[in-house]
Amino acid sequence: MVYYQYKPPVTAELVREKPTYSTGIEGELLTPTGAAILTAPSSGIGPMPAMILKEIG
């Protein structure tokens, strides 16, 4: 089986000109699929709204 490593350049291209930050964790934290889902439908990026997280999943 041949494995091609294209993930980092593709992911970087998808988040081009989007706000990003480092967590200090080494490794993949965002996949190309995740980047596409997060960036495709957005009309813009603004501050995170105030909220209280009540449930997960």
C-alpha atoms as a PDB file:
ATOM      1  CA  MET A   1       0.000   0.000   0.000  1.00  0.00           C
ATOM      2  CA  VAL A   2       1.320   3.442  -0.909  1.00  0.00           C
ATOM      3  CA  TYR A   3       0.549   6.277   1.486  1.00  0.00           C
ATOM      4  CA  TYR A   4       0.815   9.867   0.308  1.00  0.00           C
ATOM      5  CA  GLN A   5       1.112  12.651   2.870  1.00  0.00           C
ATOM      6  CA  TYR A   6      -0.830  15.609   1.439  1.00  0.00           C
ATOM      7  CA  LYS A   7      -2.714  16.635   4.569  1.00  0.00           C
ATOM      8  CA  PRO A   8      -0.636  19.566   5.876  1.00  0.00           C
ATOM      9  CA  PRO A   9      -0.531  21.568   2.612  1.00  0.00           C
ATOM     10  CA  VAL A  10      -4.219  20.939   1.883  1.00  0.00           C
ATOM     11  CA  THR A  11      -5.283  21.881   5.407  1.00  0.00           C
ATOM     12  CA  ALA A  12      -3.097  25.003   5.346  1.00  0.00           C
ATOM     13  CA  GLU A  13      -4.642  26.078   2.043  1.00  0.00           C
ATOM     14  CA  LEU A  14      -8.169  25.654   3.421  1.00  0.00           C
ATOM     15  CA  VAL A  15      -7.454  27.897   6.424  1.00  0.00           C
ATOM     16  CA  ARG A  16      -5.516  30.517   4.443  1.00  0.00           C
ATOM     17  CA  GLU A  17      -6.335  34.027   5.745  1.00  0.00           C
ATOM     18  CA  LYS A  18      -8.366  32.590   8.639  1.00  0.00           C
ATOM     19  CA  PRO A  19      -7.413  33.246  12.282  1.00  0.00           C
ATOM     20  CA  THR A  20      -5.321  30.408  13.691  1.00  0.00           C
ATOM     21  CA  TYR A  21      -3.270  29.861  16.823  1.00  0.00           C
ATOM     22  CA  SER A  22      -0.815  27.360  18.246  1.00  0.00           C
ATOM     23  CA  THR A  23      -1.626  25.096  21.166  1.00  0.00           C
ATOM     24  CA  GLY A  24       1.950  23.912  21.523  1.00  0.00           C
ATOM     25  CA  ILE A  25       0.790  20.361  20.807  1.00  0.00           C
ATOM     26  CA  GLU A  26       2.735  18.602  18.072  1.00  0.00           C
ATOM     27  CA  GLY A  27       0.605  16.594  15.695  1.00  0.00           C
ATOM     28  CA  GLU A  28      -2.462  16.910  13.540  1.00  0.00           C
ATOM     29  CA  LEU A  29      -5.265  18.785  15.275  1.00  0.00           C
ATOM     30  CA  LEU A  30      -7.234  19.746  12.166  1.00  0.00           C
ATOM     31  CA  THR A  31      -7.866  17.448   9.218  1.00  0.00           C
ATOM     32  CA  PRO A  32      -8.623  18.628   5.685  1.00  0.00           C
ATOM     33  CA  THR A  33     -12.207  17.416   6.110  1.00  0.00           C
ATOM     34  CA  GLY A  34     -12.594  19.354   9.354  1.00  0.00           C
ATOM     35  CA  ALA A  35     -11.087  22.479   7.795  1.00  0.00           C
ATOM     36  CA  ALA A  36     -13.491  22.237   4.842  1.00  0.00           C
ATOM     37  CA  ILE A  37     -16.504  21.843   7.127  1.00  0.00           C
ATOM     38  CA  LEU A  38     -15.464  24.787   9.292  1.00  0.00           C
ATOM     39  CA  THR A  39     -14.562  27.210   6.509  1.00  0.00           C
ATOM     40  CA  ALA A  40     -16.947  26.458   3.605  1.00  0.00           C
ATOM     41  CA  PRO A  41     -20.256  27.687   5.044  1.00  0.00           C
ATOM     42  CA  SER A  42     -18.886  30.707   6.884  1.00  0.00           C
ATOM     43  CA  SER A  43     -19.705  34.221   5.731  1.00  0.00           C
ATOM     44  CA  GLY A  44     -17.147  35.733   8.076  1.00  0.00           C
ATOM     45  CA  ILE A  45     -15.285  35.320  11.308  1.00  0.00           C
ATOM     46  CA  GLY A  46     -16.001  37.374  14.391  1.00  0.00           C
ATOM     47  CA  PRO A  47     -15.558  37.138  18.128  1.00  0.00           C
ATOM     48  CA  MET A  48     -16.871  34.082  19.919  1.00  0.00           C
ATOM     49  CA  PRO A  49     -20.228  34.851  21.575  1.00  0.00           C
ATOM     50  CA  ALA A  50     -20.699  34.588  25.325  1.00  0.00           C
ATOM     51  CA  MET A  51     -22.196  31.207  26.175  1.00  0.00           C
ATOM     52  CA  ILE A  52     -22.512  28.516  28.800  1.00  0.00           C
ATOM     53  CA  LEU A  53     -21.841  24.991  27.539  1.00  0.00           C
ATOM     54  CA  LYS A  54     -24.536  22.690  28.923  1.00  0.00           C
ATOM     55  CA  GLU A  55     -24.190  19.504  26.835  1.00  0.00           C
ATOM     56  CA  ILE A  56     -21.658  17.761  24.640  1.00  0.00           C
ATOM     57  CA  GLY A  57     -22.443  15.175  21.975  1.00  0.00           C
END
